[in-house]
Structure formats: structure tokens, C-alpha cells
C-alpha atoms as a PDB file:
ATOM      1  CA  UNK A   1     -15.582 -59.143 -14.502  1.00  0.00           C
ATOM      2  CA  UNK A   2     -14.543 -61.956 -16.813  1.00  0.00           C
ATOM      3  CA  UNK A   3     -11.272 -62.286 -18.660  1.00  0.00           C
ATOM      4  CA  UNK A   4     -12.952 -61.513 -21.980  1.00  0.00           C
ATOM      5  CA  UNK A   5     -14.460 -58.330 -20.531  1.00  0.00           C
ATOM      6  CA  UNK A   6     -11.067 -57.280 -19.150  1.00  0.00           C
ATOM      7  CA  UNK A   7      -9.341 -57.842 -22.483  1.00  0.00           C
ATOM      8  CA  UNK A   8     -12.148 -56.048 -24.366  1.00  0.00           C
ATOM      9  CA  UNK A   9     -11.768 -53.011 -22.103  1.00  0.00           C
ATOM     10  CA  UNK A  10      -7.995 -53.063 -22.590  1.00  0.00           C
ATOM     11  CA  UNK A  11      -8.280 -53.327 -26.363  1.00  0.00           C
ATOM     12  CA  UNK A  12     -10.778 -50.434 -26.481  1.00  0.00           C
ATOM     13  CA  UNK A  13      -8.390 -48.027 -24.747  1.00  0.00           C
ATOM     14  CA  UNK A  14      -7.027 -45.350 -27.051  1.00  0.00           C
ATOM     15  CA  UNK A  15      -4.415 -43.715 -24.807  1.00  0.00           C
ATOM     16  CA  UNK A  16      -1.691 -44.953 -22.523  1.00  0.00           C
ATOM     17  CA  UNK A  17      -3.310 -43.028 -19.677  1.00  0.00           C
ATOM     18  CA  UNK A  18      -6.491 -45.092 -20.085  1.00  0.00           C
ATOM     19  CA  UNK A  19      -4.463 -48.309 -20.169  1.00  0.00           C
ATOM     20  CA  UNK A  20      -2.502 -47.379 -17.057  1.00  0.00           C
ATOM     21  CA  UNK A  21      -5.813 -46.661 -15.318  1.00  0.00           C
ATOM     22  CA  UNK A  22      -7.142 -50.102 -16.285  1.00  0.00           C
ATOM     23  CA  UNK A  23      -3.870 -51.690 -15.145  1.00  0.00           C
ATOM     24  CA  UNK A  24      -4.168 -49.927 -11.784  1.00  0.00           C
ATOM     25  CA  UNK A  25      -7.721 -51.203 -11.367  1.00  0.00           C
ATOM     26  CA  UNK A  26      -6.584 -54.728 -12.198  1.00  0.00           C
ATOM     27  CA  UNK A  27      -3.734 -54.363  -9.710  1.00  0.00           C
ATOM     28  CA  UNK A  28      -6.248 -53.576  -6.959  1.00  0.00           C
ATOM     29  CA  UNK A  29      -8.318 -56.601  -7.987  1.00  0.00           C
ATOM     30  CA  UNK A  30      -5.204 -58.804  -7.800  1.00  0.00           C
ATOM     31  CA  UNK A  31      -4.486 -57.472  -4.323  1.00  0.00           C
ATOM     32  CA  UNK A  32      -8.065 -58.147  -3.207  1.00  0.00           C
ATOM     33  CA  UNK A  33      -7.912 -61.691  -4.571  1.00  0.00           C
ATOM     34  CA  UNK A  34      -4.629 -62.297  -2.736  1.00  0.00           C
ATOM     35  CA  UNK A  35      -6.262 -61.167   0.519  1.00  0.00           C
ATOM     36  CA  UNK A  36      -9.217 -63.478  -0.080  1.00  0.00           C
ATOM     37  CA  UNK A  37      -6.794 -66.308  -0.853  1.00  0.00           C
ATOM     38  CA  UNK A  38      -5.074 -65.826   2.503  1.00  0.00           C
ATOM     39  CA  UNK A  39      -8.445 -66.059   4.252  1.00  0.00           C
ATOM     40  CA  UNK A  40      -9.312 -69.223   2.335  1.00  0.00           C
ATOM     41  CA  UNK A  41      -5.947 -70.729   3.272  1.00  0.00           C
ATOM     42  CA  UNK A  42      -6.540 -70.001   6.952  1.00  0.00           C
ATOM     43  CA  UNK A  43      -9.950 -71.692   6.649  1.00  0.00           C
ATOM     44  CA  UNK A  44      -8.469 -74.691   4.775  1.00  0.00           C
ATOM     45  CA  UNK A  45     -11.206 -74.182   2.182  1.00  0.00           C
ATOM     46  CA  UNK A  46      -9.621 -76.070  -0.709  1.00  0.00           C
ATOM     47  CA  UNK A  47     -12.425 -75.454  -3.201  1.00  0.00           C
ATOM     48  CA  UNK A  48     -12.250 -71.713  -2.522  1.00  0.00           C
ATOM     49  CA  UNK A  49      -8.448 -71.791  -2.766  1.00  0.00           C
ATOM     50  CA  UNK A  50      -8.624 -73.453  -6.175  1.00  0.00           C
ATOM     51  CA  UNK A  51     -11.227 -70.977  -7.424  1.00  0.00           C
ATOM     52  CA  UNK A  52      -9.261 -67.980  -6.162  1.00  0.00           C
ATOM     53  CA  UNK A  53      -5.998 -69.262  -7.649  1.00  0.00           C
ATOM     54  CA  UNK A  54      -7.668 -69.569 -11.047  1.00  0.00           C
ATOM     55  CA  UNK A  55      -9.121 -66.053 -10.762  1.00  0.00           C
ATOM     56  CA  UNK A  56      -5.790 -64.695  -9.565  1.00  0.00           C
ATOM     57  CA  UNK A  57      -3.905 -66.186 -12.505  1.00  0.00           C
ATOM     58  CA  UNK A  58      -6.361 -64.632 -14.954  1.00  0.00           C
ATOM     59  CA  UNK A  59      -6.262 -61.186 -13.281  1.00  0.00           C
ATOM     60  CA  UNK A  60      -2.454 -61.214 -13.129  1.00  0.00           C
ATOM     61  CA  UNK A  61      -2.299 -62.062 -16.823  1.00  0.00           C
ATOM     62  CA  UNK A  62      -4.788 -59.292 -17.663  1.00  0.00           C
ATOM     63  CA  UNK A  63      -2.816 -56.833 -15.512  1.00  0.00           C
ATOM     64  CA  UNK A  64       0.448 -57.691 -17.270  1.00  0.00           C
ATOM     65  CA  UNK A  65      -1.256 -57.449 -20.658  1.00  0.00           C
ATOM     66  CA  UNK A  66      -2.702 -54.001 -19.797  1.00  0.00           C
ATOM     67  CA  UNK A  67       0.516 -52.682 -18.277  1.00  0.00           C
ATOM     68  CA  UNK A  68       2.689 -53.860 -21.170  1.00  0.00           C
ATOM     69  CA  UNK A  69       0.239 -52.396 -23.692  1.00  0.00           C
ATOM     70  CA  UNK A  70       0.218 -49.098 -21.768  1.00  0.00           C
ATOM     71  CA  UNK A  71       4.004 -48.928 -21.720  1.00  0.00           C
ATOM     72  CA  UNK A  72       4.202 -49.674 -25.457  1.00  0.00           C
ATOM     73  CA  UNK A  73       1.513 -47.108 -26.240  1.00  0.00           C
ATOM     74  CA  UNK A  74       3.222 -44.500 -24.062  1.00  0.00           C
ATOM     75  CA  UNK A  75       6.464 -44.998 -26.010  1.00  0.00           C
ATOM     76  CA  UNK A  76       4.554 -44.690 -29.283  1.00  0.00           C
ATOM     77  CA  UNK A  77       2.755 -41.546 -28.112  1.00  0.00           C
ATOM     78  CA  UNK A  78       6.095 -40.030 -27.130  1.00  0.00           C
ATOM     79  CA  UNK A  79       7.571 -40.818 -30.547  1.00  0.00           C
ATOM     80  CA  UNK A  80       4.541 -39.308 -32.307  1.00  0.00           C
ATOM     81  CA  UNK A  81       4.781 -36.155 -30.196  1.00  0.00           C
ATOM     82  CA  UNK A  82       8.510 -35.846 -30.851  1.00  0.00           C
ATOM     83  CA  UNK A  83       7.979 -36.358 -34.575  1.00  0.00           C
ATOM     84  CA  UNK A  84       5.267 -33.689 -34.624  1.00  0.00           C
ATOM     85  CA  UNK A  85       7.538 -31.239 -32.801  1.00  0.00           C
ATOM     86  CA  UNK A  86      10.365 -31.879 -35.251  1.00  0.00           C
ATOM     87  CA  UNK A  87       7.960 -31.513 -38.171  1.00  0.00           C
ATOM     88  CA  UNK A  88       6.579 -28.235 -36.755  1.00  0.00           C
ATOM     89  CA  UNK A  89      10.111 -26.903 -36.282  1.00  0.00           C
ATOM     90  CA  UNK A  90      11.070 -27.814 -39.846  1.00  0.00           C
ATOM     91  CA  UNK A  91       7.904 -26.269 -41.272  1.00  0.00           C
ATOM     92  CA  UNK A  92       8.477 -23.147 -39.190  1.00  0.00           C
ATOM     93  CA  UNK A  93      11.810 -22.680 -40.965  1.00  0.00           C
ATOM     94  CA  UNK A  94      10.032 -22.679 -44.327  1.00  0.00           C
ATOM     95  CA  UNK A  95       7.734 -19.788 -43.508  1.00  0.00           C
END
């Protein structure tokens, strides 16, 4: 998956749960790339090392972007829920 596809998926998420799921998937991809990088280092395959380092940098950035967005959205969802509960309690007093 390309960087643009990763960012598009992240931006299309509507809940923090979806974003955390995307971040987890990206985390697994980062781990896989790190394993492949180790293999390339053992093989002294410099072209492969360069390619994997570029991919790894992009995936790490996308992971951080997704995780930070998820954390921000989770805070916002919590605030919205708390506000709704307070509003419901205040309206319940009026009945």
C-alpha cells in the first residue's frame, strides 16, 4: 500500500476504534519491514536496504499519524459523551 492510500484510509476513519485498528495494522507492517531490513543487512544488499529504509520511514510516519489521530479522536469522543450525559441529566431535571 502506498503512503497516499494509507493516509486516505486514515482520513476516512470516523471513529477512534477504526483509527486504532489502522494504527495496529501499520504497526505490524513496520515490524515486518524491520524484519526484512535485518535480512537485507545480513545479505549486504545495499539497494534493498535503501528501499526498505525508505518504506520503513513512510510506514512509521503513517503509523504515528494514525495513532495520534486516534488518540485525539478518542479524547473528543469522550468529551462528546460526557457532554451528552451532562445534558441528559440537566434535561431530566426539567421533566
